[in-house]
């Protein structure tokens, strides 16, 4: 069995929680200001969820018409990609990942972001070469808080829960980590 560390992306490896919050609100405001998520709503309900789930909640809670889902999703992704490409290399993180790898520990990233966002972010901060495996919301049937992402990482890298450490920052991610064993 391998030793494994699974990192969340947003809020752990990159400071993008605010980026996602702002990008979504910018896209929502194009539809109508009534759908903009307040800081309190973000922290209590939406933080850590993927964009599709956030839109479903907005439909249930604020009446966002589903006909706007595609437009909002695309506008939010475009803004996110543009900003993530500007992230600088993180030499401290590169050194840490290199040290982890030298110790024989596998590194995975499990994110509720789309695959292209995960890849772009890891490239931008300069750690993609150290990551043995990554999982996005497009790679699983059920996203966090469901533990499928963590199980996929463990299975792909021949690890089990007792040899795995998961680093998360949101309540959604922590719940999935706990439920993964």
N, C-alpha and C. Protein backbone atom coordinates (compact mmCIF):
# COMPACT_ATOMS: atom_id res chain seq x y z
N UNK A 1 0.83 -1.19 0.00
CA UNK A 1 0.00 0.00 0.00
C UNK A 1 0.87 1.25 0.00
N UNK A 2 0.46 2.21 -0.78
CA UNK A 2 1.16 3.49 -0.83
C UNK A 2 0.64 4.45 0.23
N UNK A 3 1.49 5.36 0.64
CA UNK A 3 1.08 6.50 1.46
C UNK A 3 0.63 7.56 0.48
N UNK A 4 -0.41 8.29 0.87
CA UNK A 4 -1.04 9.25 -0.04
C UNK A 4 -1.48 10.49 0.72
N UNK A 5 -1.26 11.64 0.11
CA UNK A 5 -1.85 12.89 0.59
C UNK A 5 -2.74 13.41 -0.53
N UNK A 6 -4.00 13.66 -0.20
CA UNK A 6 -4.95 14.23 -1.16
C UNK A 6 -5.22 15.67 -0.74
N UNK A 7 -4.96 16.59 -1.65
CA UNK A 7 -5.19 18.01 -1.40
C UNK A 7 -6.42 18.48 -2.14
N UNK A 8 -7.21 19.30 -1.48
CA UNK A 8 -8.23 20.07 -2.17
C UNK A 8 -7.49 21.16 -2.95
N UNK A 9 -8.10 21.71 -3.95
CA UNK A 9 -7.47 22.77 -4.73
C UNK A 9 -7.82 24.16 -4.18
N UNK A 10 -9.09 24.51 -4.28
CA UNK A 10 -9.54 25.85 -3.92
C UNK A 10 -9.49 26.09 -2.42
N UNK A 11 -8.70 27.07 -2.03
CA UNK A 11 -8.58 27.40 -0.62
C UNK A 11 -7.46 26.65 0.08
N UNK A 12 -6.94 25.61 -0.55
CA UNK A 12 -5.84 24.84 0.04
C UNK A 12 -4.55 25.08 -0.76
N UNK A 13 -4.57 24.73 -2.05
CA UNK A 13 -3.38 24.92 -2.88
C UNK A 13 -3.34 26.29 -3.54
N UNK A 14 -4.51 26.83 -3.83
CA UNK A 14 -4.59 28.17 -4.40
C UNK A 14 -5.64 28.97 -3.64
N UNK A 15 -5.42 30.25 -3.57
CA UNK A 15 -6.38 31.14 -2.92
C UNK A 15 -7.41 31.57 -3.95
N UNK A 16 -8.35 30.68 -4.20
CA UNK A 16 -9.33 30.95 -5.26
C UNK A 16 -10.77 30.94 -4.76
N UNK A 17 -10.96 30.72 -3.48
CA UNK A 17 -12.33 30.71 -2.99
C UNK A 17 -13.02 32.04 -3.31
N UNK A 18 -12.31 33.12 -3.10
CA UNK A 18 -12.86 34.44 -3.40
C UNK A 18 -13.06 34.60 -4.91
N UNK A 19 -12.13 34.08 -5.69
CA UNK A 19 -12.22 34.14 -7.14
C UNK A 19 -13.51 33.49 -7.63
N UNK A 20 -13.80 32.28 -7.13
CA UNK A 20 -15.02 31.57 -7.55
C UNK A 20 -16.28 32.32 -7.11
N UNK A 21 -16.24 32.85 -5.90
CA UNK A 21 -17.38 33.62 -5.37
C UNK A 21 -17.66 34.83 -6.26
N UNK A 22 -16.61 35.60 -6.57
CA UNK A 22 -16.77 36.80 -7.39
C UNK A 22 -17.16 36.46 -8.83
N UNK A 23 -16.52 35.44 -9.41
CA UNK A 23 -16.81 35.06 -10.80
C UNK A 23 -18.27 34.62 -10.95
N UNK A 24 -18.77 33.85 -9.99
CA UNK A 24 -20.17 33.42 -10.06
C UNK A 24 -21.11 34.60 -9.91
N UNK A 25 -20.82 35.47 -8.96
CA UNK A 25 -21.70 36.63 -8.77
C UNK A 25 -21.70 37.56 -9.97
N UNK A 26 -20.56 37.70 -10.63
CA UNK A 26 -20.50 38.51 -11.85
C UNK A 26 -21.40 37.91 -12.92
N UNK A 27 -21.35 36.59 -13.06
CA UNK A 27 -22.19 35.91 -14.04
C UNK A 27 -23.67 36.00 -13.66
N UNK A 28 -23.97 35.87 -12.37
CA UNK A 28 -25.36 35.94 -11.92
C UNK A 28 -25.94 37.34 -12.09
N UNK A 29 -25.12 38.34 -11.85
CA UNK A 29 -25.59 39.73 -11.96
C UNK A 29 -26.00 40.07 -13.39
N UNK A 30 -25.39 39.40 -14.37
CA UNK A 30 -25.78 39.61 -15.77
C UNK A 30 -27.22 39.17 -16.00
N UNK A 31 -27.66 38.16 -15.24
CA UNK A 31 -29.05 37.69 -15.35
C UNK A 31 -29.95 38.64 -14.56
N UNK A 32 -29.63 38.84 -13.27
CA UNK A 32 -30.39 39.77 -12.42
C UNK A 32 -29.69 39.88 -11.07
N UNK A 33 -29.59 41.09 -10.52
CA UNK A 33 -28.96 41.27 -9.20
C UNK A 33 -29.64 40.46 -8.08
N UNK A 34 -30.91 40.08 -8.26
CA UNK A 34 -31.61 39.33 -7.22
C UNK A 34 -30.99 37.96 -6.96
N UNK A 35 -30.18 37.45 -7.91
CA UNK A 35 -29.59 36.12 -7.76
C UNK A 35 -28.18 36.14 -7.17
N UNK A 36 -27.64 37.33 -6.98
CA UNK A 36 -26.30 37.44 -6.41
C UNK A 36 -26.29 36.84 -5.01
N UNK A 37 -25.23 36.09 -4.70
CA UNK A 37 -25.09 35.40 -3.42
C UNK A 37 -24.38 36.32 -2.43
N UNK A 38 -24.97 36.51 -1.28
CA UNK A 38 -24.33 37.34 -0.25
C UNK A 38 -23.17 36.57 0.37
N UNK A 39 -22.29 37.29 1.03
CA UNK A 39 -21.15 36.67 1.71
C UNK A 39 -21.66 35.64 2.73
N UNK A 40 -22.68 36.00 3.49
CA UNK A 40 -23.24 35.08 4.50
C UNK A 40 -23.80 33.82 3.84
N UNK A 41 -24.54 33.97 2.75
CA UNK A 41 -25.08 32.81 2.02
C UNK A 41 -23.95 31.93 1.49
N UNK A 42 -22.91 32.58 0.99
CA UNK A 42 -21.77 31.84 0.46
C UNK A 42 -21.15 30.98 1.56
N UNK A 43 -20.87 31.58 2.69
CA UNK A 43 -20.20 30.85 3.77
C UNK A 43 -21.08 29.77 4.39
N UNK A 44 -22.36 30.02 4.49
CA UNK A 44 -23.24 29.06 5.16
C UNK A 44 -23.79 27.96 4.25
N UNK A 45 -23.88 28.23 2.94
CA UNK A 45 -24.56 27.29 2.05
C UNK A 45 -23.77 26.87 0.82
N UNK A 46 -23.15 27.81 0.13
CA UNK A 46 -22.60 27.54 -1.20
C UNK A 46 -21.11 27.19 -1.24
N UNK A 47 -20.36 27.59 -0.23
CA UNK A 47 -18.91 27.39 -0.23
C UNK A 47 -18.56 25.92 -0.36
N UNK A 48 -17.70 25.59 -1.33
CA UNK A 48 -17.24 24.22 -1.51
C UNK A 48 -18.05 23.40 -2.49
N UNK A 49 -19.20 23.92 -2.92
CA UNK A 49 -20.03 23.20 -3.88
C UNK A 49 -19.60 23.55 -5.30
N UNK A 50 -19.84 22.64 -6.25
CA UNK A 50 -19.52 22.96 -7.64
C UNK A 50 -20.58 23.91 -8.20
N UNK A 51 -20.27 24.53 -9.31
CA UNK A 51 -21.14 25.55 -9.89
C UNK A 51 -22.53 25.00 -10.22
N UNK A 52 -22.59 23.80 -10.76
CA UNK A 52 -23.89 23.22 -11.10
C UNK A 52 -24.77 23.07 -9.87
N UNK A 53 -24.20 22.59 -8.78
CA UNK A 53 -24.97 22.44 -7.54
C UNK A 53 -25.40 23.82 -7.01
N UNK A 54 -24.52 24.80 -7.10
CA UNK A 54 -24.87 26.16 -6.67
C UNK A 54 -26.06 26.69 -7.47
N UNK A 55 -26.04 26.44 -8.78
CA UNK A 55 -27.14 26.91 -9.62
C UNK A 55 -28.45 26.20 -9.26
N UNK A 56 -28.37 24.90 -8.96
CA UNK A 56 -29.58 24.17 -8.54
C UNK A 56 -30.15 24.77 -7.25
N UNK A 57 -29.26 25.09 -6.31
CA UNK A 57 -29.72 25.70 -5.05
C UNK A 57 -30.32 27.09 -5.30
N UNK A 58 -29.70 27.85 -6.20
CA UNK A 58 -30.24 29.17 -6.53
C UNK A 58 -31.62 29.06 -7.17
N UNK A 59 -31.82 28.01 -7.95
CA UNK A 59 -33.13 27.78 -8.54
C UNK A 59 -34.16 27.48 -7.45
N UNK A 60 -33.77 26.62 -6.50
CA UNK A 60 -34.68 26.24 -5.41
C UNK A 60 -34.94 27.39 -4.45
N UNK A 61 -33.90 28.13 -4.10
CA UNK A 61 -33.99 29.12 -3.04
C UNK A 61 -34.34 30.53 -3.51
N UNK A 62 -33.91 30.88 -4.73
CA UNK A 62 -34.14 32.25 -5.20
C UNK A 62 -34.91 32.31 -6.51
N UNK A 63 -35.28 31.15 -7.05
CA UNK A 63 -36.09 31.12 -8.26
C UNK A 63 -35.34 31.36 -9.56
N UNK A 64 -34.02 31.10 -9.58
CA UNK A 64 -33.26 31.23 -10.82
C UNK A 64 -33.81 30.26 -11.85
N UNK A 65 -34.24 30.78 -12.98
CA UNK A 65 -34.80 29.95 -14.05
C UNK A 65 -33.69 29.08 -14.66
N UNK A 66 -33.98 27.81 -14.85
CA UNK A 66 -33.00 26.87 -15.39
C UNK A 66 -32.51 27.26 -16.78
N UNK A 67 -33.28 28.05 -17.49
CA UNK A 67 -32.86 28.46 -18.83
C UNK A 67 -31.58 29.30 -18.79
N UNK A 68 -31.23 29.84 -17.62
CA UNK A 68 -30.01 30.64 -17.48
C UNK A 68 -28.80 29.83 -17.01
N UNK A 69 -29.00 28.58 -16.65
CA UNK A 69 -27.91 27.78 -16.10
C UNK A 69 -26.69 27.75 -17.03
N UNK A 70 -26.92 27.45 -18.30
CA UNK A 70 -25.80 27.32 -19.24
C UNK A 70 -25.06 28.64 -19.38
N UNK A 71 -25.79 29.72 -19.52
CA UNK A 71 -25.18 31.04 -19.68
C UNK A 71 -24.35 31.40 -18.44
N UNK A 72 -24.92 31.24 -17.26
CA UNK A 72 -24.21 31.56 -16.03
C UNK A 72 -22.98 30.67 -15.87
N UNK A 73 -23.15 29.38 -16.13
CA UNK A 73 -22.04 28.45 -15.99
C UNK A 73 -20.89 28.84 -16.92
N UNK A 74 -21.20 29.12 -18.18
CA UNK A 74 -20.16 29.49 -19.15
C UNK A 74 -19.49 30.81 -18.80
N UNK A 75 -20.26 31.81 -18.39
CA UNK A 75 -19.69 33.11 -18.00
C UNK A 75 -18.79 32.95 -16.78
N UNK A 76 -19.21 32.13 -15.84
CA UNK A 76 -18.42 31.91 -14.63
C UNK A 76 -17.12 31.18 -14.96
N UNK A 77 -17.17 30.18 -15.82
CA UNK A 77 -15.97 29.43 -16.19
C UNK A 77 -14.98 30.33 -16.93
N UNK A 78 -15.46 31.15 -17.84
CA UNK A 78 -14.58 32.04 -18.61
C UNK A 78 -13.84 32.99 -17.67
N UNK A 79 -14.55 33.56 -16.72
CA UNK A 79 -13.92 34.47 -15.76
C UNK A 79 -12.91 33.74 -14.89
N UNK A 80 -13.25 32.52 -14.49
CA UNK A 80 -12.36 31.72 -13.64
C UNK A 80 -11.08 31.37 -14.39
N UNK A 81 -11.18 30.89 -15.63
CA UNK A 81 -9.99 30.51 -16.41
C UNK A 81 -9.06 31.70 -16.57
N UNK A 82 -9.62 32.85 -16.88
CA UNK A 82 -8.81 34.05 -17.10
C UNK A 82 -8.01 34.40 -15.84
N UNK A 83 -8.65 34.34 -14.70
CA UNK A 83 -7.98 34.70 -13.46
C UNK A 83 -6.97 33.64 -13.01
N UNK A 84 -7.29 32.37 -13.20
CA UNK A 84 -6.39 31.30 -12.76
C UNK A 84 -5.09 31.31 -13.57
N UNK A 85 -5.17 31.65 -14.84
CA UNK A 85 -3.96 31.71 -15.67
C UNK A 85 -2.97 32.75 -15.15
N UNK A 86 -3.44 33.67 -14.34
CA UNK A 86 -2.58 34.74 -13.82
C UNK A 86 -1.92 34.37 -12.49
N UNK A 87 -2.26 33.23 -11.91
CA UNK A 87 -1.63 32.84 -10.65
C UNK A 87 -0.13 32.64 -10.85
N UNK A 88 0.68 33.16 -9.93
CA UNK A 88 2.14 33.00 -10.06
C UNK A 88 2.59 31.62 -9.58
N UNK A 89 3.79 31.23 -10.00
CA UNK A 89 4.40 29.99 -9.49
C UNK A 89 4.51 30.12 -7.97
N UNK A 90 4.31 29.00 -7.29
CA UNK A 90 4.43 28.97 -5.83
C UNK A 90 5.63 28.10 -5.47
N UNK A 91 6.78 28.74 -5.30
CA UNK A 91 8.01 27.99 -5.04
C UNK A 91 7.98 27.24 -3.72
N UNK A 92 7.34 27.80 -2.70
CA UNK A 92 7.22 27.09 -1.42
C UNK A 92 6.43 25.80 -1.59
N UNK A 93 5.36 25.88 -2.32
CA UNK A 93 4.54 24.69 -2.56
C UNK A 93 5.30 23.68 -3.42
N UNK A 94 6.03 24.16 -4.41
CA UNK A 94 6.85 23.26 -5.24
C UNK A 94 7.86 22.51 -4.37
N UNK A 95 8.52 23.23 -3.47
CA UNK A 95 9.50 22.59 -2.58
C UNK A 95 8.83 21.57 -1.67
N UNK A 96 7.67 21.93 -1.14
CA UNK A 96 6.95 21.01 -0.27
C UNK A 96 6.54 19.74 -1.03
N UNK A 97 6.00 19.90 -2.24
CA UNK A 97 5.59 18.74 -3.04
C UNK A 97 6.80 17.88 -3.39
N UNK A 98 7.91 18.51 -3.74
CA UNK A 98 9.12 17.75 -4.06
C UNK A 98 9.57 16.95 -2.85
N UNK A 99 9.51 17.55 -1.67
CA UNK A 99 9.90 16.85 -0.43
C UNK A 99 8.96 15.68 -0.14
N UNK A 100 7.66 15.90 -0.31
CA UNK A 100 6.68 14.83 -0.11
C UNK A 100 6.99 13.67 -1.05
N UNK A 101 7.24 13.99 -2.30
CA UNK A 101 7.53 12.97 -3.30
C UNK A 101 8.82 12.22 -2.97
N UNK A 102 9.84 12.94 -2.49
CA UNK A 102 11.11 12.31 -2.11
C UNK A 102 10.92 11.31 -0.97
N UNK A 103 9.90 11.52 -0.14
CA UNK A 103 9.61 10.63 0.97
C UNK A 103 8.83 9.40 0.53
N UNK A 104 8.52 9.31 -0.77
CA UNK A 104 7.79 8.17 -1.30
C UNK A 104 6.28 8.26 -1.11
N UNK A 105 5.80 9.44 -0.80
CA UNK A 105 4.36 9.65 -0.61
C UNK A 105 3.76 10.14 -1.92
N UNK A 106 2.66 9.53 -2.31
CA UNK A 106 1.95 9.94 -3.53
C UNK A 106 1.15 11.21 -3.24
N UNK A 107 0.94 12.01 -4.29
CA UNK A 107 0.18 13.26 -4.16
C UNK A 107 -0.98 13.24 -5.14
N UNK A 108 -2.17 13.54 -4.61
CA UNK A 108 -3.36 13.65 -5.45
C UNK A 108 -4.06 14.97 -5.14
N UNK A 109 -4.86 15.42 -6.09
CA UNK A 109 -5.69 16.61 -5.90
C UNK A 109 -7.12 16.21 -6.23
N UNK A 110 -8.05 16.54 -5.32
CA UNK A 110 -9.47 16.26 -5.51
C UNK A 110 -10.23 17.57 -5.40
N UNK A 111 -10.85 17.97 -6.49
CA UNK A 111 -11.50 19.28 -6.53
C UNK A 111 -12.89 19.22 -7.12
N UNK A 112 -13.78 20.03 -6.56
CA UNK A 112 -15.12 20.18 -7.12
C UNK A 112 -15.13 21.11 -8.33
N UNK A 113 -13.96 21.61 -8.74
CA UNK A 113 -13.86 22.42 -9.94
C UNK A 113 -13.87 21.52 -11.17
N UNK A 114 -14.04 22.13 -12.35
CA UNK A 114 -13.98 21.37 -13.59
C UNK A 114 -12.52 20.99 -13.88
N UNK A 115 -12.34 19.95 -14.68
CA UNK A 115 -11.02 19.40 -14.98
C UNK A 115 -10.05 20.46 -15.51
N UNK A 116 -10.51 21.30 -16.44
CA UNK A 116 -9.63 22.31 -17.03
C UNK A 116 -9.16 23.32 -15.99
N UNK A 117 -10.02 23.68 -15.04
CA UNK A 117 -9.63 24.59 -13.97
C UNK A 117 -8.55 23.96 -13.11
N UNK A 118 -8.73 22.69 -12.75
CA UNK A 118 -7.74 22.00 -11.92
C UNK A 118 -6.39 21.97 -12.63
N UNK A 119 -6.39 21.56 -13.88
CA UNK A 119 -5.14 21.46 -14.64
C UNK A 119 -4.47 22.83 -14.79
N UNK A 120 -5.24 23.84 -15.18
CA UNK A 120 -4.69 25.19 -15.34
C UNK A 120 -4.09 25.71 -14.04
N UNK A 121 -4.79 25.49 -12.94
CA UNK A 121 -4.29 25.97 -11.65
C UNK A 121 -2.99 25.27 -11.27
N UNK A 122 -2.95 23.95 -11.42
CA UNK A 122 -1.73 23.20 -11.07
C UNK A 122 -0.56 23.59 -11.96
N UNK A 123 -0.83 23.86 -13.22
CA UNK A 123 0.22 24.34 -14.14
C UNK A 123 0.68 25.74 -13.73
N UNK A 124 -0.27 26.63 -13.46
CA UNK A 124 0.07 28.01 -13.13
C UNK A 124 0.93 28.11 -11.88
N UNK A 125 0.61 27.35 -10.87
CA UNK A 125 1.39 27.44 -9.62
C UNK A 125 2.64 26.56 -9.67
N UNK A 126 2.78 25.77 -10.74
CA UNK A 126 4.01 25.03 -10.97
C UNK A 126 4.15 23.70 -10.25
N UNK A 127 3.04 23.05 -9.93
CA UNK A 127 3.12 21.78 -9.20
C UNK A 127 2.57 20.58 -9.95
N UNK A 128 2.08 20.78 -11.15
CA UNK A 128 1.47 19.67 -11.88
C UNK A 128 2.43 18.49 -12.01
N UNK A 129 3.70 18.75 -12.22
CA UNK A 129 4.69 17.67 -12.38
C UNK A 129 4.83 16.78 -11.15
N UNK A 130 4.41 17.27 -9.99
CA UNK A 130 4.53 16.49 -8.75
C UNK A 130 3.25 15.72 -8.41
N UNK A 131 2.17 16.05 -9.09
CA UNK A 131 0.86 15.46 -8.79
C UNK A 131 0.73 14.14 -9.54
N UNK A 132 0.52 13.07 -8.78
CA UNK A 132 0.40 11.73 -9.36
C UNK A 132 -0.97 11.47 -9.97
N UNK A 133 -1.98 12.19 -9.47
CA UNK A 133 -3.35 11.94 -9.92
C UNK A 133 -4.21 13.12 -9.50
N UNK A 134 -5.14 13.51 -10.35
CA UNK A 134 -6.12 14.52 -9.93
C UNK A 134 -7.50 14.16 -10.43
N UNK A 135 -8.48 14.60 -9.66
CA UNK A 135 -9.89 14.31 -9.93
C UNK A 135 -10.66 15.62 -9.88
N UNK A 136 -11.55 15.79 -10.86
CA UNK A 136 -12.41 16.98 -10.90
C UNK A 136 -13.87 16.55 -10.76
N UNK A 137 -14.74 17.54 -10.75
CA UNK A 137 -16.17 17.21 -10.65
C UNK A 137 -16.68 16.50 -11.90
N UNK A 138 -15.93 16.58 -13.00
CA UNK A 138 -16.33 15.91 -14.24
C UNK A 138 -15.93 14.43 -14.24
N UNK A 139 -15.13 14.01 -13.26
CA UNK A 139 -14.61 12.65 -13.23
C UNK A 139 -15.37 11.72 -12.29
N UNK A 140 -16.37 12.25 -11.62
CA UNK A 140 -17.12 11.45 -10.65
C UNK A 140 -18.62 11.57 -10.90
N UNK A 141 -19.35 10.60 -10.41
CA UNK A 141 -20.81 10.65 -10.50
C UNK A 141 -21.41 11.58 -9.46
N UNK A 142 -20.75 11.65 -8.30
CA UNK A 142 -21.24 12.49 -7.20
C UNK A 142 -20.06 13.26 -6.61
N UNK A 143 -20.20 14.57 -6.54
CA UNK A 143 -19.13 15.43 -6.05
C UNK A 143 -19.16 15.53 -4.53
N UNK A 144 -18.17 16.24 -3.99
CA UNK A 144 -18.13 16.48 -2.55
C UNK A 144 -19.44 17.15 -2.14
N UNK A 145 -20.01 16.79 -1.05
CA UNK A 145 -19.44 16.08 0.09
C UNK A 145 -19.42 14.55 -0.04
N UNK A 146 -19.95 14.00 -1.13
CA UNK A 146 -19.86 12.55 -1.31
C UNK A 146 -18.38 12.18 -1.45
N UNK A 147 -17.91 11.09 -0.87
CA UNK A 147 -16.48 10.77 -0.84
C UNK A 147 -15.90 10.11 -2.09
N UNK A 148 -16.66 10.04 -3.18
CA UNK A 148 -16.19 9.34 -4.37
C UNK A 148 -14.84 9.83 -4.87
N UNK A 149 -14.59 11.14 -4.83
CA UNK A 149 -13.30 11.68 -5.32
C UNK A 149 -12.12 11.09 -4.55
N UNK A 150 -12.27 11.00 -3.25
CA UNK A 150 -11.18 10.49 -2.42
C UNK A 150 -10.96 9.00 -2.68
N UNK A 151 -12.06 8.28 -2.82
CA UNK A 151 -11.95 6.85 -3.11
C UNK A 151 -11.25 6.62 -4.45
N UNK A 152 -11.58 7.45 -5.44
CA UNK A 152 -10.93 7.32 -6.76
C UNK A 152 -9.42 7.55 -6.64
N UNK A 153 -9.04 8.57 -5.89
CA UNK A 153 -7.60 8.85 -5.70
C UNK A 153 -6.92 7.67 -5.02
N UNK A 154 -7.54 7.17 -3.96
CA UNK A 154 -6.96 6.04 -3.23
C UNK A 154 -6.82 4.81 -4.12
N UNK A 155 -7.86 4.52 -4.86
CA UNK A 155 -7.84 3.34 -5.74
C UNK A 155 -6.78 3.50 -6.83
N UNK A 156 -6.75 4.65 -7.47
CA UNK A 156 -5.80 4.87 -8.57
C UNK A 156 -4.35 4.81 -8.10
N UNK A 157 -4.11 5.22 -6.85
CA UNK A 157 -2.74 5.28 -6.35
C UNK A 157 -2.42 4.18 -5.34
N UNK A 158 -3.26 3.14 -5.31
CA UNK A 158 -3.03 1.97 -4.48
C UNK A 158 -2.82 2.33 -3.00
N UNK A 159 -3.76 3.11 -2.49
CA UNK A 159 -3.72 3.50 -1.07
C UNK A 159 -5.05 3.11 -0.43
N UNK A 160 -5.06 3.10 0.88
CA UNK A 160 -6.28 2.83 1.64
C UNK A 160 -6.48 3.97 2.62
N UNK A 161 -7.68 4.09 3.21
CA UNK A 161 -7.92 5.21 4.12
C UNK A 161 -6.89 5.36 5.24
N UNK A 162 -6.43 4.26 5.81
CA UNK A 162 -5.51 4.41 6.94
C UNK A 162 -4.11 4.87 6.52
N UNK A 163 -3.79 4.84 5.22
CA UNK A 163 -2.49 5.35 4.76
C UNK A 163 -2.65 6.66 3.98
N UNK A 164 -3.83 7.27 4.12
CA UNK A 164 -4.16 8.49 3.37
C UNK A 164 -4.46 9.64 4.31
N UNK A 165 -3.93 10.80 3.97
CA UNK A 165 -4.25 12.06 4.66
C UNK A 165 -4.94 12.94 3.64
N UNK A 166 -6.03 13.59 4.06
CA UNK A 166 -6.78 14.48 3.17
C UNK A 166 -6.74 15.89 3.76
N UNK A 167 -6.35 16.86 2.94
CA UNK A 167 -6.25 18.25 3.38
C UNK A 167 -7.37 19.05 2.72
N UNK A 168 -8.30 19.50 3.53
CA UNK A 168 -9.48 20.23 3.07
C UNK A 168 -9.68 21.49 3.90
N UNK A 169 -10.39 22.47 3.33
CA UNK A 169 -10.66 23.70 4.07
C UNK A 169 -12.14 24.00 4.24
N UNK A 170 -13.01 23.45 3.40
CA UNK A 170 -14.44 23.75 3.50
C UNK A 170 -15.17 22.66 4.27
N UNK A 171 -16.32 23.03 4.82
CA UNK A 171 -17.11 22.04 5.55
C UNK A 171 -17.59 20.93 4.61
N UNK A 172 -17.84 21.27 3.35
CA UNK A 172 -18.26 20.28 2.35
C UNK A 172 -17.14 19.26 2.13
N UNK A 173 -15.93 19.75 1.93
CA UNK A 173 -14.79 18.86 1.70
C UNK A 173 -14.45 18.03 2.92
N UNK A 174 -14.50 18.65 4.10
CA UNK A 174 -14.19 17.91 5.32
C UNK A 174 -15.19 16.79 5.55
N UNK A 175 -16.46 17.03 5.23
CA UNK A 175 -17.46 15.98 5.40
C UNK A 175 -17.15 14.81 4.47
N UNK A 176 -16.81 15.10 3.23
CA UNK A 176 -16.45 14.04 2.30
C UNK A 176 -15.23 13.27 2.75
N UNK A 177 -14.24 14.01 3.28
CA UNK A 177 -13.01 13.36 3.77
C UNK A 177 -13.33 12.41 4.92
N UNK A 178 -14.13 12.86 5.85
CA UNK A 178 -14.52 12.03 7.00
C UNK A 178 -15.27 10.78 6.52
N UNK A 179 -16.20 10.98 5.60
CA UNK A 179 -17.01 9.87 5.09
C UNK A 179 -16.20 8.88 4.25
N UNK A 180 -15.04 9.31 3.76
CA UNK A 180 -14.21 8.42 2.94
C UNK A 180 -13.45 7.40 3.78
N UNK A 181 -13.45 7.62 5.08
CA UNK A 181 -12.77 6.68 5.97
C UNK A 181 -11.42 7.21 6.40
